[in-house]
Amino acid sequence: MFRHALWVSFCLAMMTLGAHARWKEQFANAPETVKQWYASQHNKNGLWCCDNADGHAFYGDYSLDQDGSVEFDVDGVHHRLPAYMVLDGPNPTGHAVWWYVKQTDGVHKDYCFALGASG
């Protein structure tokens, strides 16, 4: 009985991990320096940007406001990320990166935004 309960607990834990993991195959062959960059990013409030599994390559147009916030439109929705989410420093990917999780209601929970090479 105990082993059965332990097995059920293990399976539930693995299902929970799988629900949050959003592995993207395109990151599998990224150089180690890029993987480390993704993994080490924190916004200005000290919150972890969630690693490259949540870091989405962003190739759209965006504008950096005078207060340091960033604005852009995606799928007809306007997004404004406050200045504390906009990362400072070099971005080795060559493109902007937007860290977010798309919630079940379709709303993005934003964490960070790294400007691209042209930003």
N, C-alpha and C. Protein backbone atom coordinates (compact mmCIF):
# COMPACT_ATOMS: atom_id res chain seq x y z
N MET A 1 0.83 -1.20 0.00
CA MET A 1 0.00 0.00 0.00
C MET A 1 0.87 1.26 0.00
N PHE A 2 1.91 1.26 0.84
CA PHE A 2 2.80 2.42 0.93
C PHE A 2 3.50 2.66 -0.40
N ARG A 3 3.97 1.58 -1.04
CA ARG A 3 4.65 1.76 -2.33
C ARG A 3 3.71 2.31 -3.39
N HIS A 4 2.45 1.87 -3.34
CA HIS A 4 1.47 2.37 -4.30
C HIS A 4 1.26 3.88 -4.09
N ALA A 5 1.11 4.30 -2.85
CA ALA A 5 0.93 5.73 -2.55
C ALA A 5 2.16 6.53 -2.97
N LEU A 6 3.33 5.96 -2.74
CA LEU A 6 4.57 6.63 -3.14
C LEU A 6 4.63 6.76 -4.66
N TRP A 7 4.26 5.72 -5.36
CA TRP A 7 4.26 5.75 -6.82
C TRP A 7 3.27 6.79 -7.35
N VAL A 8 2.07 6.84 -6.78
CA VAL A 8 1.07 7.82 -7.20
C VAL A 8 1.60 9.23 -6.95
N SER A 9 2.22 9.46 -5.80
CA SER A 9 2.79 10.78 -5.49
C SER A 9 3.86 11.15 -6.50
N PHE A 10 4.72 10.21 -6.84
CA PHE A 10 5.78 10.45 -7.82
C PHE A 10 5.17 10.82 -9.17
N CYS A 11 4.17 10.08 -9.62
CA CYS A 11 3.54 10.35 -10.91
C CYS A 11 2.88 11.72 -10.93
N LEU A 12 2.20 12.08 -9.85
CA LEU A 12 1.58 13.40 -9.78
C LEU A 12 2.63 14.50 -9.83
N ALA A 13 3.73 14.30 -9.13
CA ALA A 13 4.81 15.29 -9.14
C ALA A 13 5.37 15.45 -10.54
N MET A 14 5.57 14.36 -11.24
CA MET A 14 6.11 14.42 -12.60
C MET A 14 5.13 15.11 -13.55
N MET A 15 3.84 14.87 -13.37
CA MET A 15 2.85 15.52 -14.22
C MET A 15 2.85 17.02 -13.98
N THR A 16 3.00 17.43 -12.74
CA THR A 16 3.05 18.85 -12.41
C THR A 16 4.27 19.49 -13.04
N LEU A 17 5.42 18.84 -12.96
CA LEU A 17 6.63 19.38 -13.59
C LEU A 17 6.44 19.50 -15.09
N GLY A 18 5.85 18.50 -15.70
CA GLY A 18 5.63 18.52 -17.13
C GLY A 18 4.70 19.63 -17.56
N ALA A 19 3.74 19.98 -16.70
CA ALA A 19 2.80 21.04 -17.05
C ALA A 19 3.48 22.39 -17.09
N HIS A 20 4.53 22.59 -16.31
CA HIS A 20 5.21 23.87 -16.28
C HIS A 20 6.40 23.93 -17.23
N ALA A 21 6.90 22.81 -17.63
CA ALA A 21 8.07 22.79 -18.52
C ALA A 21 7.64 23.10 -19.94
N ARG A 22 8.30 24.04 -20.55
CA ARG A 22 7.99 24.42 -21.92
C ARG A 22 9.27 24.37 -22.75
N TRP A 23 9.86 23.22 -22.83
CA TRP A 23 11.12 23.05 -23.54
C TRP A 23 10.91 23.35 -25.01
N LYS A 24 11.81 24.09 -25.56
CA LYS A 24 11.77 24.42 -26.98
C LYS A 24 12.99 23.80 -27.64
N GLU A 25 12.76 22.99 -28.64
CA GLU A 25 13.86 22.27 -29.28
C GLU A 25 14.91 23.19 -29.88
N GLN A 26 14.52 24.39 -30.30
CA GLN A 26 15.50 25.28 -30.94
C GLN A 26 16.61 25.69 -29.98
N PHE A 27 16.40 25.54 -28.67
CA PHE A 27 17.43 25.89 -27.71
C PHE A 27 18.41 24.75 -27.45
N ALA A 28 18.10 23.57 -27.90
CA ALA A 28 18.93 22.40 -27.61
C ALA A 28 20.35 22.56 -28.15
N ASN A 29 20.50 23.20 -29.30
CA ASN A 29 21.82 23.33 -29.91
C ASN A 29 22.42 24.73 -29.74
N ALA A 30 21.84 25.52 -28.86
CA ALA A 30 22.38 26.86 -28.62
C ALA A 30 23.75 26.75 -27.96
N PRO A 31 24.65 27.67 -28.25
CA PRO A 31 25.96 27.66 -27.58
C PRO A 31 25.77 27.76 -26.06
N GLU A 32 26.69 27.17 -25.35
CA GLU A 32 26.60 27.15 -23.89
C GLU A 32 26.54 28.56 -23.30
N THR A 33 27.23 29.50 -23.92
CA THR A 33 27.21 30.88 -23.42
C THR A 33 25.81 31.49 -23.52
N VAL A 34 25.08 31.16 -24.58
CA VAL A 34 23.72 31.66 -24.75
C VAL A 34 22.79 30.99 -23.73
N LYS A 35 22.93 29.69 -23.53
CA LYS A 35 22.13 29.00 -22.53
C LYS A 35 22.37 29.59 -21.14
N GLN A 36 23.61 29.87 -20.82
CA GLN A 36 23.95 30.46 -19.52
C GLN A 36 23.38 31.86 -19.40
N TRP A 37 23.40 32.62 -20.50
CA TRP A 37 22.83 33.96 -20.48
C TRP A 37 21.34 33.90 -20.15
N TYR A 38 20.60 33.03 -20.86
CA TYR A 38 19.17 32.86 -20.58
C TYR A 38 18.96 32.53 -19.11
N ALA A 39 19.71 31.57 -18.61
CA ALA A 39 19.51 31.06 -17.25
C ALA A 39 19.85 32.07 -16.17
N SER A 40 20.65 33.08 -16.48
CA SER A 40 21.12 34.00 -15.44
C SER A 40 20.37 35.33 -15.40
N GLN A 41 19.39 35.53 -16.25
CA GLN A 41 18.73 36.83 -16.33
C GLN A 41 17.73 37.06 -15.21
N HIS A 42 17.78 38.24 -14.63
CA HIS A 42 16.85 38.69 -13.60
C HIS A 42 16.42 40.12 -13.95
N ASN A 43 15.16 40.45 -13.67
CA ASN A 43 14.74 41.82 -13.94
C ASN A 43 15.25 42.74 -12.83
N LYS A 44 14.97 44.01 -12.95
CA LYS A 44 15.53 44.99 -12.00
C LYS A 44 14.93 44.88 -10.59
N ASN A 45 13.84 44.12 -10.45
CA ASN A 45 13.30 43.83 -9.12
C ASN A 45 13.89 42.56 -8.54
N GLY A 46 14.83 41.95 -9.28
CA GLY A 46 15.49 40.75 -8.80
C GLY A 46 14.77 39.45 -9.10
N LEU A 47 13.66 39.51 -9.83
CA LEU A 47 12.93 38.30 -10.16
C LEU A 47 13.59 37.59 -11.35
N TRP A 48 13.72 36.29 -11.23
CA TRP A 48 14.33 35.47 -12.28
C TRP A 48 13.45 35.49 -13.53
N CYS A 49 14.06 35.62 -14.67
CA CYS A 49 13.31 35.67 -15.92
C CYS A 49 12.80 34.30 -16.37
N CYS A 50 13.12 33.26 -15.66
CA CYS A 50 12.55 31.92 -15.88
C CYS A 50 13.30 31.05 -16.87
N ASP A 51 14.49 31.40 -17.25
CA ASP A 51 15.30 30.56 -18.12
C ASP A 51 14.78 30.58 -19.56
N ASN A 52 15.50 29.93 -20.46
CA ASN A 52 15.15 30.00 -21.88
C ASN A 52 13.87 29.27 -22.24
N ALA A 53 13.35 28.40 -21.39
CA ALA A 53 12.09 27.72 -21.70
C ALA A 53 10.95 28.72 -21.79
N ASP A 54 11.05 29.84 -21.10
CA ASP A 54 10.04 30.88 -21.15
C ASP A 54 10.50 32.09 -21.96
N GLY A 55 11.72 32.07 -22.41
CA GLY A 55 12.25 33.18 -23.21
C GLY A 55 11.87 32.97 -24.66
N HIS A 56 11.00 33.83 -25.16
CA HIS A 56 10.51 33.71 -26.52
C HIS A 56 11.24 34.70 -27.42
N ALA A 57 11.81 34.20 -28.49
CA ALA A 57 12.44 35.10 -29.46
C ALA A 57 11.39 36.08 -29.95
N PHE A 58 11.75 37.36 -29.98
CA PHE A 58 10.82 38.40 -30.41
C PHE A 58 11.43 39.15 -31.58
N TYR A 59 10.78 39.06 -32.73
CA TYR A 59 11.28 39.69 -33.94
C TYR A 59 10.42 40.88 -34.37
N GLY A 60 9.39 41.19 -33.60
CA GLY A 60 8.50 42.28 -33.96
C GLY A 60 9.09 43.65 -33.64
N ASP A 61 8.34 44.67 -34.01
CA ASP A 61 8.74 46.05 -33.71
C ASP A 61 8.38 46.37 -32.27
N TYR A 62 9.21 47.14 -31.63
CA TYR A 62 8.94 47.60 -30.28
C TYR A 62 9.56 48.98 -30.13
N SER A 63 9.09 49.69 -29.11
CA SER A 63 9.67 51.00 -28.85
C SER A 63 10.07 51.06 -27.38
N LEU A 64 11.22 51.67 -27.16
CA LEU A 64 11.72 51.88 -25.81
C LEU A 64 11.33 53.30 -25.42
N ASP A 65 10.51 53.41 -24.40
CA ASP A 65 10.02 54.71 -23.95
C ASP A 65 11.08 55.43 -23.12
N GLN A 66 10.89 56.74 -22.95
CA GLN A 66 11.86 57.54 -22.20
C GLN A 66 12.02 57.06 -20.76
N ASP A 67 10.95 56.50 -20.19
CA ASP A 67 11.03 56.03 -18.79
C ASP A 67 11.66 54.64 -18.69
N GLY A 68 12.08 54.06 -19.82
CA GLY A 68 12.74 52.76 -19.83
C GLY A 68 11.79 51.59 -20.05
N SER A 69 10.49 51.86 -20.14
CA SER A 69 9.53 50.79 -20.43
C SER A 69 9.61 50.45 -21.92
N VAL A 70 9.02 49.34 -22.29
CA VAL A 70 9.01 48.93 -23.69
C VAL A 70 7.57 48.63 -24.09
N GLU A 71 7.22 48.99 -25.34
CA GLU A 71 5.87 48.78 -25.84
C GLU A 71 5.92 48.09 -27.20
N PHE A 72 4.94 47.22 -27.43
CA PHE A 72 4.83 46.52 -28.70
C PHE A 72 3.44 45.92 -28.82
N ASP A 73 3.08 45.54 -30.02
CA ASP A 73 1.80 44.90 -30.30
C ASP A 73 2.06 43.48 -30.79
N VAL A 74 1.24 42.55 -30.30
CA VAL A 74 1.31 41.16 -30.73
C VAL A 74 -0.12 40.66 -30.89
N ASP A 75 -0.43 40.14 -32.07
CA ASP A 75 -1.76 39.60 -32.35
C ASP A 75 -2.87 40.57 -31.99
N GLY A 76 -2.67 41.84 -32.32
CA GLY A 76 -3.68 42.85 -32.07
C GLY A 76 -3.80 43.31 -30.62
N VAL A 77 -2.90 42.86 -29.77
CA VAL A 77 -2.93 43.24 -28.35
C VAL A 77 -1.71 44.11 -28.06
N HIS A 78 -1.94 45.24 -27.45
CA HIS A 78 -0.84 46.14 -27.08
C HIS A 78 -0.26 45.71 -25.74
N HIS A 79 1.05 45.63 -25.68
CA HIS A 79 1.76 45.26 -24.45
C HIS A 79 2.67 46.41 -24.05
N ARG A 80 2.67 46.73 -22.78
CA ARG A 80 3.61 47.71 -22.22
C ARG A 80 4.24 47.07 -21.00
N LEU A 81 5.53 46.82 -21.09
CA LEU A 81 6.26 46.23 -19.98
C LEU A 81 7.00 47.34 -19.25
N PRO A 82 6.84 47.42 -17.94
CA PRO A 82 7.47 48.50 -17.19
C PRO A 82 9.00 48.40 -17.23
N ALA A 83 9.63 49.52 -16.92
CA ALA A 83 11.10 49.63 -17.02
C ALA A 83 11.82 48.56 -16.22
N TYR A 84 11.28 48.15 -15.09
CA TYR A 84 11.99 47.16 -14.27
C TYR A 84 12.09 45.80 -14.96
N MET A 85 11.25 45.54 -15.96
CA MET A 85 11.31 44.28 -16.71
C MET A 85 12.28 44.33 -17.88
N VAL A 86 12.71 45.51 -18.26
CA VAL A 86 13.60 45.66 -19.42
C VAL A 86 15.04 45.48 -18.95
N LEU A 87 15.71 44.50 -19.52
CA LEU A 87 17.06 44.14 -19.08
C LEU A 87 18.10 45.09 -19.63
N ASP A 88 19.12 45.32 -18.83
CA ASP A 88 20.29 46.08 -19.27
C ASP A 88 21.37 45.09 -19.68
N GLY A 89 22.32 45.56 -20.40
CA GLY A 89 23.46 44.72 -20.75
C GLY A 89 23.30 44.05 -22.09
N PRO A 90 24.36 43.39 -22.52
CA PRO A 90 24.37 42.76 -23.84
C PRO A 90 23.44 41.56 -23.93
N ASN A 91 22.92 41.36 -25.12
CA ASN A 91 22.04 40.23 -25.43
C ASN A 91 22.74 39.42 -26.53
N PRO A 92 23.23 38.22 -26.25
CA PRO A 92 24.01 37.46 -27.23
C PRO A 92 23.18 36.78 -28.32
N THR A 93 21.86 36.89 -28.26
CA THR A 93 21.03 36.15 -29.23
C THR A 93 20.91 36.85 -30.57
N GLY A 94 21.12 38.17 -30.61
CA GLY A 94 20.97 38.91 -31.85
C GLY A 94 19.54 39.35 -32.12
N HIS A 95 18.59 38.98 -31.26
CA HIS A 95 17.19 39.38 -31.41
C HIS A 95 16.64 39.69 -30.02
N ALA A 96 15.53 40.39 -29.98
CA ALA A 96 14.89 40.66 -28.69
C ALA A 96 14.36 39.35 -28.10
N VAL A 97 14.25 39.31 -26.79
CA VAL A 97 13.72 38.14 -26.10
C VAL A 97 12.67 38.63 -25.10
N TRP A 98 11.50 37.99 -25.13
CA TRP A 98 10.40 38.33 -24.24
C TRP A 98 10.10 37.12 -23.38
N TRP A 99 10.30 37.27 -22.09
CA TRP A 99 10.01 36.18 -21.15
C TRP A 99 8.58 36.34 -20.66
N TYR A 100 7.76 35.35 -20.93
CA TYR A 100 6.38 35.35 -20.44
C TYR A 100 5.87 33.93 -20.36
N VAL A 101 4.76 33.80 -19.64
CA VAL A 101 4.00 32.56 -19.61
C VAL A 101 2.59 32.92 -20.06
N LYS A 102 2.09 32.19 -21.01
CA LYS A 102 0.72 32.42 -21.47
C LYS A 102 -0.21 31.61 -20.58
N GLN A 103 -1.05 32.30 -19.84
CA GLN A 103 -1.94 31.65 -18.89
C GLN A 103 -3.13 31.02 -19.60
N THR A 104 -3.88 30.20 -18.90
CA THR A 104 -5.00 29.47 -19.52
C THR A 104 -6.05 30.41 -20.09
N ASP A 105 -6.17 31.63 -19.54
CA ASP A 105 -7.14 32.60 -20.08
C ASP A 105 -6.57 33.38 -21.26
N GLY A 106 -5.34 33.03 -21.70
CA GLY A 106 -4.72 33.67 -22.85
C GLY A 106 -3.91 34.91 -22.52
N VAL A 107 -3.97 35.36 -21.27
CA VAL A 107 -3.24 36.56 -20.85
C VAL A 107 -1.79 36.19 -20.58
N HIS A 108 -0.89 37.07 -20.99
CA HIS A 108 0.53 36.85 -20.74
C HIS A 108 0.91 37.33 -19.34
N LYS A 109 1.65 36.51 -18.62
CA LYS A 109 2.29 36.94 -17.37
C LYS A 109 3.72 37.24 -17.76
N ASP A 110 4.08 38.50 -17.73
CA ASP A 110 5.39 38.95 -18.20
C ASP A 110 6.41 38.93 -17.08
N TYR A 111 7.67 38.66 -17.47
CA TYR A 111 8.77 38.64 -16.52
C TYR A 111 9.87 39.61 -16.92
N CYS A 112 10.30 39.54 -18.18
CA CYS A 112 11.45 40.33 -18.63
C CYS A 112 11.36 40.55 -20.14
N PHE A 113 12.15 41.53 -20.58
CA PHE A 113 12.30 41.79 -22.01
C PHE A 113 13.73 42.24 -22.25
N ALA A 114 14.43 41.56 -23.14
CA ALA A 114 15.79 41.94 -23.52
C ALA A 114 15.74 42.56 -24.90
N LEU A 115 16.28 43.75 -25.02
CA LEU A 115 16.32 44.43 -26.32
C LEU A 115 17.18 43.64 -27.29
N GLY A 116 16.82 43.68 -28.55
CA GLY A 116 17.60 43.02 -29.57
C GLY A 116 18.77 43.88 -30.01
N ALA A 117 19.49 43.40 -31.01
CA ALA A 117 20.68 44.10 -31.49
C ALA A 117 20.35 45.50 -32.01
N SER A 118 19.13 45.67 -32.54
CA SER A 118 18.76 46.98 -33.07
C SER A 118 18.04 47.84 -32.04
N GLY A 119 17.80 47.29 -30.83
CA GLY A 119 17.02 48.01 -29.82
C GLY A 119 17.78 49.00 -29.13
